């Protein structure tokens, strides 16, 4: 049985959950704040396909086809990808409104499968830096 591994970045945001969600749900605008997952094509819907350009540190650019797993307005956006035999990836954004106008934004990756574990061990640092940058960029965008 394989282990599930996770990398996550959390940041406080001085903005309402609605403002964060507005940017997350606008896939056409992602290239303005997310340098690692850009050129997102698709529509918001349960199980809907998305295609995006992934530019993670230490990796060649790749066009990824993913499937939206779940989404809740003002709260979460999750997609899944099977990257081959014994490699599953779940990418997520979560918004937790603490008080009106103040949120915690979490974004990260959950990896499962034996091949996913080996990949994760080699790239954990770069992933952590990429997701920290994504969270900070989105924070600056909605606070600014």
C-alpha atoms as a PDB file:
ATOM      1  CA  UNK A   1       0.000   0.000   0.000  1.00  0.00           C
ATOM      2  CA  UNK A   2       1.395   3.394  -0.944  1.00  0.00           C
ATOM      3  CA  UNK A   3       1.587   6.526   1.146  1.00  0.00           C
ATOM      4  CA  UNK A   4      -0.200   9.774   0.323  1.00  0.00           C
ATOM      5  CA  UNK A   5       2.088  12.814   0.387  1.00  0.00           C
ATOM      6  CA  UNK A   6       1.109  16.457   0.616  1.00  0.00           C
ATOM      7  CA  UNK A   7       2.665  19.877   0.190  1.00  0.00           C
ATOM      8  CA  UNK A   8       0.643  22.961   1.151  1.00  0.00           C
ATOM      9  CA  UNK A   9       1.029  26.700   1.513  1.00  0.00           C
ATOM     10  CA  UNK A  10      -1.290  28.755   3.723  1.00  0.00           C
ATOM     11  CA  UNK A  11      -1.497  32.536   3.833  1.00  0.00           C
ATOM     12  CA  UNK A  12      -3.736  35.076   5.558  1.00  0.00           C
ATOM     13  CA  UNK A  13      -5.627  37.335   3.165  1.00  0.00           C
ATOM     14  CA  UNK A  14      -7.303  40.619   4.106  1.00  0.00           C
ATOM     15  CA  UNK A  15     -10.180  40.281   1.663  1.00  0.00           C
ATOM     16  CA  UNK A  16     -13.568  38.582   1.618  1.00  0.00           C
ATOM     17  CA  UNK A  17     -13.870  34.993   0.394  1.00  0.00           C
ATOM     18  CA  UNK A  18     -15.966  36.257  -2.527  1.00  0.00           C
ATOM     19  CA  UNK A  19     -13.001  38.247  -3.887  1.00  0.00           C
ATOM     20  CA  UNK A  20     -10.660  35.254  -3.720  1.00  0.00           C
ATOM     21  CA  UNK A  21     -13.246  33.020  -5.335  1.00  0.00           C
ATOM     22  CA  UNK A  22     -13.831  35.531  -8.124  1.00  0.00           C
ATOM     23  CA  UNK A  23     -10.165  35.176  -9.162  1.00  0.00           C
ATOM     24  CA  UNK A  24     -10.068  31.384  -8.706  1.00  0.00           C
ATOM     25  CA  UNK A  25     -13.194  30.838 -10.797  1.00  0.00           C
ATOM     26  CA  UNK A  26     -11.945  33.086 -13.631  1.00  0.00           C
ATOM     27  CA  UNK A  27      -9.718  30.573 -15.440  1.00  0.00           C
ATOM     28  CA  UNK A  28      -8.958  32.985 -18.287  1.00  0.00           C
ATOM     29  CA  UNK A  29      -7.294  35.354 -15.760  1.00  0.00           C
ATOM     30  CA  UNK A  30      -5.027  32.759 -14.088  1.00  0.00           C
ATOM     31  CA  UNK A  31      -2.013  33.674 -16.231  1.00  0.00           C
ATOM     32  CA  UNK A  32      -1.983  37.090 -14.515  1.00  0.00           C
ATOM     33  CA  UNK A  33      -1.306  35.681 -11.029  1.00  0.00           C
ATOM     34  CA  UNK A  34      -0.302  32.039 -11.448  1.00  0.00           C
ATOM     35  CA  UNK A  35       2.943  31.520 -13.375  1.00  0.00           C
ATOM     36  CA  UNK A  36       2.970  27.759 -12.688  1.00  0.00           C
ATOM     37  CA  UNK A  37      -0.535  26.846 -13.917  1.00  0.00           C
ATOM     38  CA  UNK A  38      -1.440  29.128 -16.779  1.00  0.00           C
ATOM     39  CA  UNK A  39      -3.479  29.185 -19.967  1.00  0.00           C
ATOM     40  CA  UNK A  40      -6.324  27.338 -18.235  1.00  0.00           C
ATOM     41  CA  UNK A  41      -9.116  26.268 -20.573  1.00  0.00           C
ATOM     42  CA  UNK A  42     -12.431  24.892 -19.405  1.00  0.00           C
ATOM     43  CA  UNK A  43     -15.531  25.741 -17.442  1.00  0.00           C
ATOM     44  CA  UNK A  44     -16.408  25.319 -13.811  1.00  0.00           C
ATOM     45  CA  UNK A  45     -18.493  22.168 -13.370  1.00  0.00           C
ATOM     46  CA  UNK A  46     -18.440  18.922 -11.427  1.00  0.00           C
ATOM     47  CA  UNK A  47     -16.210  16.462 -13.287  1.00  0.00           C
ATOM     48  CA  UNK A  48     -15.519  19.032 -16.008  1.00  0.00           C
ATOM     49  CA  UNK A  49     -12.270  18.701 -17.952  1.00  0.00           C
ATOM     50  CA  UNK A  50      -9.647  21.433 -17.747  1.00  0.00           C
ATOM     51  CA  UNK A  51      -6.517  21.842 -19.833  1.00  0.00           C
ATOM     52  CA  UNK A  52      -3.675  23.987 -18.500  1.00  0.00           C
ATOM     53  CA  UNK A  53      -0.010  24.684 -19.031  1.00  0.00           C
ATOM     54  CA  UNK A  54       2.040  23.538 -16.057  1.00  0.00           C
ATOM     55  CA  UNK A  55       5.418  25.195 -15.418  1.00  0.00           C
ATOM     56  CA  UNK A  56       6.834  23.753 -12.214  1.00  0.00           C
ATOM     57  CA  UNK A  57      10.439  24.392 -11.116  1.00  0.00           C
ATOM     58  CA  UNK A  58      12.800  21.685 -12.345  1.00  0.00           C
ATOM     59  CA  UNK A  59      10.323  20.354 -14.908  1.00  0.00           C
ATOM     60  CA  UNK A  60       9.788  20.971 -18.586  1.00  0.00           C
ATOM     61  CA  UNK A  61       6.634  22.858 -19.437  1.00  0.00           C
ATOM     62  CA  UNK A  62       3.751  20.493 -20.093  1.00  0.00           C
ATOM     63  CA  UNK A  63       0.151  20.704 -21.200  1.00  0.00           C
ATOM     64  CA  UNK A  64      -1.934  18.892 -18.558  1.00  0.00           C
ATOM     65  CA  UNK A  65      -5.457  17.520 -18.910  1.00  0.00           C
ATOM     66  CA  UNK A  66      -7.150  17.360 -15.525  1.00  0.00           C
ATOM     67  CA  UNK A  67     -10.678  16.826 -14.244  1.00  0.00           C
ATOM     68  CA  UNK A  68     -12.425  19.048 -11.726  1.00  0.00           C
ATOM     69  CA  UNK A  69     -13.290  16.928  -8.738  1.00  0.00           C
ATOM     70  CA  UNK A  70     -15.184  19.297  -6.533  1.00  0.00           C
ATOM     71  CA  UNK A  71     -15.789  22.972  -6.052  1.00  0.00           C
ATOM     72  CA  UNK A  72     -17.735  25.064  -3.633  1.00  0.00           C
ATOM     73  CA  UNK A  73     -18.169  28.783  -4.316  1.00  0.00           C
ATOM     74  CA  UNK A  74     -16.134  30.917  -1.914  1.00  0.00           C
ATOM     75  CA  UNK A  75     -14.593  27.781  -0.331  1.00  0.00           C
ATOM     76  CA  UNK A  76     -12.716  25.281  -2.534  1.00  0.00           C
ATOM     77  CA  UNK A  77     -11.552  24.247  -5.993  1.00  0.00           C
ATOM     78  CA  UNK A  78     -10.128  20.754  -6.512  1.00  0.00           C
ATOM     79  CA  UNK A  79      -8.898  18.882  -9.570  1.00  0.00           C
ATOM     80  CA  UNK A  80      -7.518  15.404 -10.131  1.00  0.00           C
ATOM     81  CA  UNK A  81      -5.056  13.934 -12.571  1.00  0.00           C
ATOM     82  CA  UNK A  82      -3.807  10.420 -13.235  1.00  0.00           C
ATOM     83  CA  UNK A  83      -0.245  10.918 -14.392  1.00  0.00           C
ATOM     84  CA  UNK A  84       0.225   7.330 -15.392  1.00  0.00           C
ATOM     85  CA  UNK A  85       0.618   4.006 -13.679  1.00  0.00           C
ATOM     86  CA  UNK A  86       0.753   4.394  -9.873  1.00  0.00           C
ATOM     87  CA  UNK A  87       0.788   8.202  -9.949  1.00  0.00           C
ATOM     88  CA  UNK A  88      -2.248  10.212  -8.829  1.00  0.00           C
ATOM     89  CA  UNK A  89      -2.273  13.943  -8.160  1.00  0.00           C
ATOM     90  CA  UNK A  90      -4.915  16.119  -6.503  1.00  0.00           C
ATOM     91  CA  UNK A  91      -4.446  19.882  -6.721  1.00  0.00           C
ATOM     92  CA  UNK A  92      -6.522  22.107  -4.464  1.00  0.00           C
ATOM     93  CA  UNK A  93      -7.303  25.634  -3.325  1.00  0.00           C
ATOM     94  CA  UNK A  94      -9.244  26.182  -0.090  1.00  0.00           C
ATOM     95  CA  UNK A  95     -10.618  29.423   1.291  1.00  0.00           C
ATOM     96  CA  UNK A  96     -11.587  29.669   4.946  1.00  0.00           C
ATOM     97  CA  UNK A  97     -13.205  32.945   5.954  1.00  0.00           C
ATOM     98  CA  UNK A  98     -12.279  33.602   9.581  1.00  0.00           C
ATOM     99  CA  UNK A  99     -14.256  36.820   9.975  1.00  0.00           C
ATOM    100  CA  UNK A 100     -15.904  38.943   7.281  1.00  0.00           C
ATOM    101  CA  UNK A 101     -13.122  40.381   5.124  1.00  0.00           C
ATOM    102  CA  UNK A 102     -10.361  38.071   6.398  1.00  0.00           C
ATOM    103  CA  UNK A 103      -9.499  34.596   5.090  1.00  0.00           C
ATOM    104  CA  UNK A 104      -6.940  31.851   5.105  1.00  0.00           C
ATOM    105  CA  UNK A 105      -6.028  30.700   1.602  1.00  0.00           C
ATOM    106  CA  UNK A 106      -4.499  27.229   1.316  1.00  0.00           C
ATOM    107  CA  UNK A 107      -3.228  25.724  -1.912  1.00  0.00           C
ATOM    108  CA  UNK A 108      -1.355  22.520  -2.402  1.00  0.00           C
ATOM    109  CA  UNK A 109      -0.886  19.131  -3.949  1.00  0.00           C
ATOM    110  CA  UNK A 110      -1.638  15.631  -2.700  1.00  0.00           C
ATOM    111  CA  UNK A 111       0.268  12.839  -4.437  1.00  0.00           C
ATOM    112  CA  UNK A 112      -0.406   9.123  -4.233  1.00  0.00           C
ATOM    113  CA  UNK A 113       0.929   5.960  -5.821  1.00  0.00           C
ATOM    114  CA  UNK A 114       4.415   4.501  -5.817  1.00  0.00           C
ATOM    115  CA  UNK A 115       5.640   6.451  -8.839  1.00  0.00           C
ATOM    116  CA  UNK A 116       4.060   9.597  -7.383  1.00  0.00           C
ATOM    117  CA  UNK A 117       6.002   9.107  -4.146  1.00  0.00           C
ATOM    118  CA  UNK A 118       9.337   8.920  -5.953  1.00  0.00           C
ATOM    119  CA  UNK A 119       8.497  12.007  -8.009  1.00  0.00           C
ATOM    120  CA  UNK A 120       7.332  13.908  -4.917  1.00  0.00           C
ATOM    121  CA  UNK A 121      10.513  13.112  -2.957  1.00  0.00           C
ATOM    122  CA  UNK A 122      12.661  14.579  -5.748  1.00  0.00           C
ATOM    123  CA  UNK A 123      10.578  17.716  -6.245  1.00  0.00           C
ATOM    124  CA  UNK A 124       9.163  18.615  -2.821  1.00  0.00           C
ATOM    125  CA  UNK A 125      11.252  21.788  -2.379  1.00  0.00           C
ATOM    126  CA  UNK A 126      10.364  23.189  -5.811  1.00  0.00           C
ATOM    127  CA  UNK A 127       6.694  22.404  -5.287  1.00  0.00           C
ATOM    128  CA  UNK A 128       6.689  24.131  -1.907  1.00  0.00           C
ATOM    129  CA  UNK A 129       8.279  27.254  -3.450  1.00  0.00           C
ATOM    130  CA  UNK A 130       5.884  27.249  -6.420  1.00  0.00           C
ATOM    131  CA  UNK A 131       2.759  26.962  -4.264  1.00  0.00           C
ATOM    132  CA  UNK A 132       4.028  29.621  -1.863  1.00  0.00           C
ATOM    133  CA  UNK A 133       4.470  31.952  -4.826  1.00  0.00           C
ATOM    134  CA  UNK A 134       0.999  31.170  -6.139  1.00  0.00           C
ATOM    135  CA  UNK A 135      -0.606  31.879  -2.756  1.00  0.00           C
ATOM    136  CA  UNK A 136       1.314  35.112  -2.260  1.00  0.00           C
ATOM    137  CA  UNK A 137       0.513  36.318  -5.786  1.00  0.00           C
ATOM    138  CA  UNK A 138      -3.185  35.709  -5.291  1.00  0.00           C
ATOM    139  CA  UNK A 139      -3.075  37.412  -1.886  1.00  0.00           C
ATOM    140  CA  UNK A 140      -1.399  40.503  -3.352  1.00  0.00           C
ATOM    141  CA  UNK A 141      -3.865  40.616  -6.226  1.00  0.00           C
ATOM    142  CA  UNK A 142      -6.995  40.641  -4.078  1.00  0.00           C
ATOM    143  CA  UNK A 143      -5.551  42.848  -1.332  1.00  0.00           C
ATOM    144  CA  UNK A 144      -4.177  45.384  -3.806  1.00  0.00           C
END
